[in-house]
Protein backbone atom coordinates (compact mmCIF):
# COMPACT_ATOMS: atom_id res chain seq x y z
CA UNK A 1 94.34 92.28 71.52
CA UNK A 2 91.84 91.33 74.05
CA UNK A 3 91.40 91.04 77.69
CA UNK A 4 90.40 87.64 78.81
CA UNK A 5 89.29 86.47 82.42
CA UNK A 6 91.71 84.07 83.69
CA UNK A 7 90.18 80.58 83.82
CA UNK A 8 92.97 78.78 85.37
CA UNK A 9 92.94 78.74 89.18
CA UNK A 10 96.71 78.13 89.65
CA UNK A 11 98.09 80.17 92.47
CA UNK A 12 100.28 82.98 91.13
CA UNK A 13 103.83 82.80 92.52
CA UNK A 14 104.81 85.48 94.84
CA UNK A 15 107.94 86.50 92.86
CA UNK A 16 105.61 87.24 89.76
CA UNK A 17 103.41 89.21 92.11
CA UNK A 18 106.51 91.33 93.22
CA UNK A 19 107.67 91.80 89.46
CA UNK A 20 104.37 92.88 87.90
CA UNK A 21 104.46 96.34 89.50
CA UNK A 22 107.90 97.00 87.94
CA UNK A 23 106.35 96.15 84.48
CA UNK A 24 103.55 98.55 85.19
CA UNK A 25 105.88 101.44 86.26
CA UNK A 26 108.06 100.85 83.06
CA UNK A 27 105.02 100.82 80.73
CA UNK A 28 103.77 104.07 82.44
CA UNK A 29 107.25 105.69 81.71
CA UNK A 30 107.20 104.53 78.11
CA UNK A 31 103.77 106.01 77.63
CA UNK A 32 104.98 109.29 78.94
CA UNK A 33 107.54 109.30 76.19
CA UNK A 34 104.82 108.71 73.54
CA UNK A 35 105.12 105.00 73.04
CA UNK A 36 102.08 103.10 71.94
CA UNK A 37 103.34 99.51 72.18
CA UNK A 38 105.91 97.86 74.41
CA UNK A 39 107.49 94.48 73.99
CA UNK A 40 108.86 92.07 76.73
CA UNK A 41 112.27 92.60 75.29
CA UNK A 42 111.97 96.34 75.63
CA UNK A 43 110.90 96.05 79.14
CA UNK A 44 113.80 93.57 79.82
CA UNK A 45 116.36 96.12 78.71
CA UNK A 46 115.01 98.68 81.18
CA UNK A 47 114.87 96.46 84.25
CA UNK A 48 117.22 93.70 83.62
CA UNK A 49 114.83 90.77 83.91
CA UNK A 50 114.86 88.10 81.09
CA UNK A 51 112.39 88.77 78.54
CA UNK A 52 110.94 85.12 78.72
CA UNK A 53 110.48 85.53 82.33
CA UNK A 54 108.54 88.85 81.63
CA UNK A 55 106.33 87.10 79.05
CA UNK A 56 105.66 84.24 81.44
CA UNK A 57 104.82 86.62 84.17
CA UNK A 58 102.35 88.58 82.04
CA UNK A 59 100.66 85.47 80.88
CA UNK A 60 99.06 85.44 84.43
CA UNK A 61 97.19 88.45 83.52
CA UNK A 62 95.96 87.09 80.17
CA UNK A 63 96.83 89.87 77.83
CA UNK A 64 97.99 88.97 74.43
CA UNK A 65 100.80 90.72 72.65
CA UNK A 66 100.96 91.25 68.95
CA UNK A 67 103.92 89.52 67.05
CA UNK A 68 106.82 91.91 66.42
CA UNK A 69 104.90 94.64 67.90
CA UNK A 70 104.27 93.91 71.55
CA UNK A 71 101.60 94.94 74.14
CA UNK A 72 99.26 97.85 73.64
CA UNK A 73 100.68 100.04 76.44
CA UNK A 74 97.25 101.67 77.45
CA UNK A 75 95.80 98.18 77.62
CA UNK A 76 98.59 96.73 79.53
CA UNK A 77 98.48 99.54 82.13
CA UNK A 78 94.84 98.92 82.52
CA UNK A 79 94.99 95.26 82.83
CA UNK A 80 98.04 95.34 85.27
CA UNK A 81 96.36 98.04 87.46
CA UNK A 82 93.03 96.06 87.53
CA UNK A 83 94.85 92.67 88.24
CA UNK A 84 96.98 94.18 91.11
CA UNK A 85 94.10 95.71 92.73
CA UNK A 86 95.37 99.23 92.47
CA UNK A 87 92.13 100.60 90.77
CA UNK A 88 90.20 99.52 93.90
CA UNK A 89 90.62 101.55 96.95
CA UNK A 90 91.43 99.66 100.00
CA UNK A 91 90.82 101.18 103.35
CA UNK A 92 93.49 100.68 105.90
CA UNK A 93 94.35 101.64 109.72
CA UNK A 94 97.88 102.51 110.79
CA UNK A 95 98.96 101.42 114.15
CA UNK A 96 101.85 103.22 115.79
CA UNK A 97 102.55 106.81 114.76
CA UNK A 98 106.26 106.99 115.32
CA UNK A 99 108.77 108.29 112.79
CA UNK A 100 108.06 105.53 110.20
CA UNK A 101 104.23 105.60 110.84
CA UNK A 102 104.26 109.34 110.51
CA UNK A 103 106.17 109.18 107.20
CA UNK A 104 103.57 106.62 105.83
CA UNK A 105 100.67 108.81 106.79
CA UNK A 106 102.32 111.76 104.91
CA UNK A 107 102.93 109.54 101.77
CA UNK A 108 100.09 110.49 99.52
CA UNK A 109 101.40 108.27 96.91
CA UNK A 110 99.82 105.30 98.59
CA UNK A 111 96.56 106.34 97.30
CA UNK A 112 97.65 105.92 93.77
CA UNK A 113 98.21 102.22 94.28
CA UNK A 114 94.89 101.51 95.92
CA UNK A 115 95.66 101.91 99.56
CA UNK A 116 93.83 104.63 101.66
CA UNK A 117 94.75 105.01 105.26
CA UNK A 118 91.79 106.44 106.96
CA UNK A 119 92.85 106.59 110.48
CA UNK A 120 95.93 105.98 112.84
CA UNK A 121 96.07 104.73 116.28
CA UNK A 122 98.57 105.47 119.09
CA UNK A 123 98.60 106.05 122.96
CA UNK A 124 100.71 109.31 122.78
CA UNK A 125 98.58 112.12 124.16
CA UNK A 126 100.50 114.71 122.05
CA UNK A 127 99.32 112.73 118.93
CA UNK A 128 95.86 111.57 119.80
CA UNK A 129 93.30 113.97 118.59
CA UNK A 130 95.48 115.48 115.91
CA UNK A 131 95.85 114.81 112.16
CA UNK A 132 98.63 114.06 109.79
CA UNK A 133 98.04 114.70 106.13
CA UNK A 134 94.49 115.04 106.89
CA UNK A 135 94.35 111.57 108.70
CA UNK A 136 92.96 111.50 112.18
CA UNK A 137 94.81 109.94 115.01
CA UNK A 138 92.77 108.07 117.46
CA UNK A 139 93.69 106.46 120.81
CA UNK A 140 94.44 102.74 120.53
CA UNK A 141 91.42 101.98 122.97
CA UNK A 142 89.10 103.46 120.26
CA UNK A 143 90.16 100.88 117.51
CA UNK A 144 86.98 98.52 117.88
CA UNK A 145 84.64 101.52 117.88
CA UNK A 146 86.15 102.84 114.67
CA UNK A 147 86.08 99.55 113.10
CA UNK A 148 82.25 99.43 113.24
CA UNK A 149 82.20 102.83 111.41
CA UNK A 150 84.82 102.66 108.86
CA UNK A 151 84.80 99.06 107.47
CA UNK A 152 88.64 98.67 107.30
CA UNK A 153 90.16 95.33 106.28
CA UNK A 154 93.83 96.10 106.35
CA UNK A 155 96.16 97.22 109.22
CA UNK A 156 99.44 98.80 108.75
CA UNK A 157 101.82 97.70 111.65
CA UNK A 158 104.65 100.25 112.70
CA UNK A 159 104.62 99.72 116.37
CA UNK A 160 107.76 99.02 118.55
CA UNK A 161 108.89 95.53 118.35
CA UNK A 162 107.95 94.70 121.99
CA UNK A 163 104.23 95.20 121.52
CA UNK A 164 104.06 93.99 117.74
CA UNK A 165 102.41 90.69 118.64
CA UNK A 166 100.03 92.05 121.29
CA UNK A 167 98.82 94.82 118.63
CA UNK A 168 98.53 92.22 115.92
CA UNK A 169 96.33 90.06 118.09
CA UNK A 170 94.05 93.15 118.88
CA UNK A 171 93.83 94.00 115.33
CA UNK A 172 92.72 90.58 114.22
CA UNK A 173 90.32 90.25 117.12
CA UNK A 174 88.95 93.51 115.97
CA UNK A 175 88.30 92.27 112.46
CA UNK A 176 91.52 93.16 110.52
CA UNK A 177 91.92 90.60 107.75
CA UNK A 178 95.46 91.54 106.32
CA UNK A 179 98.36 93.20 108.02
CA UNK A 180 101.24 95.03 106.32
CA UNK A 181 104.02 94.56 108.87
CA UNK A 182 106.81 96.97 108.76
CA UNK A 183 108.35 95.75 112.11
CA UNK A 184 111.42 93.19 112.05
CA UNK A 185 109.31 91.04 114.19
CA UNK A 186 107.61 87.97 112.50
CA UNK A 187 104.13 88.07 113.96
CA UNK A 188 102.12 85.01 114.45
CA UNK A 189 98.62 84.97 112.96
CA UNK A 190 95.83 82.48 112.10
CA UNK A 191 95.91 81.04 108.64
CA UNK A 192 93.12 82.94 107.19
CA UNK A 193 95.00 86.19 107.96
CA UNK A 194 97.19 87.78 105.17
CA UNK A 195 100.58 89.06 106.27
CA UNK A 196 103.07 91.05 104.20
CA UNK A 197 106.41 91.54 105.96
CA UNK A 198 108.29 94.71 104.69
CA UNK A 199 111.12 94.96 107.18
CA UNK A 200 113.41 98.03 106.10
CA UNK A 201 116.23 96.54 108.51
CA UNK A 202 116.25 93.14 106.84
CA UNK A 203 116.77 94.74 103.38
CA UNK A 204 119.47 96.97 104.96
CA UNK A 205 121.23 93.93 106.15
CA UNK A 206 121.13 92.40 102.61
CA UNK A 207 122.44 95.62 101.03
CA UNK A 208 125.37 96.06 103.68
CA UNK A 209 126.24 92.41 103.21
CA UNK A 210 126.42 92.75 99.32
CA UNK A 211 128.26 96.06 99.74
CA UNK A 212 130.87 94.51 101.99
CA UNK A 213 131.42 91.64 99.35
CA UNK A 214 131.85 94.22 96.59
CA UNK A 215 134.20 96.10 98.54
CA UNK A 216 136.32 93.09 99.23
CA UNK A 217 136.77 92.25 95.79
């Protein structure tokens, strides 16, 4: 089995990108149990995704499985981690050290997936100048000065909705190229800026709606 550089320039569908970390986690669990190989059928049984869809998704990373054996687990994990960018450390700033922002700063697990928050910004005088999980909290006015020192491309947005667009504009003007938006506000950005919206409240709404449908049955 060999790793090949993907020659086709077809854009990877977002649903596929969302599923690949599931396959990675499943492969890691199976490796912990002593397994050496894993097939798309085995993964399918664990995460309830059709085996043919899993095989199609994995075709984007150009890793070949062995007939009736499956994928070498060590190689699959290595390829997926490289492909997803988890092996490269990406520096990020966090904006808005409220309850959610503080929780993200305390989440050391992010670094295992390639995201290192190297600084946070807020205007609360009780927070500015302190650290959470070893991460310094600066005043928002110091953002541009810090950008020149840290070489950060990613901004994590956890500010109140009322200032989400204003802070996003400042982030972009200061050089941020990608925004992980945790607010329920859909920020407007130039086409060259990457945005990933992760609204906890939106997911809650879907869960509550599905729960109500189940209860009614």
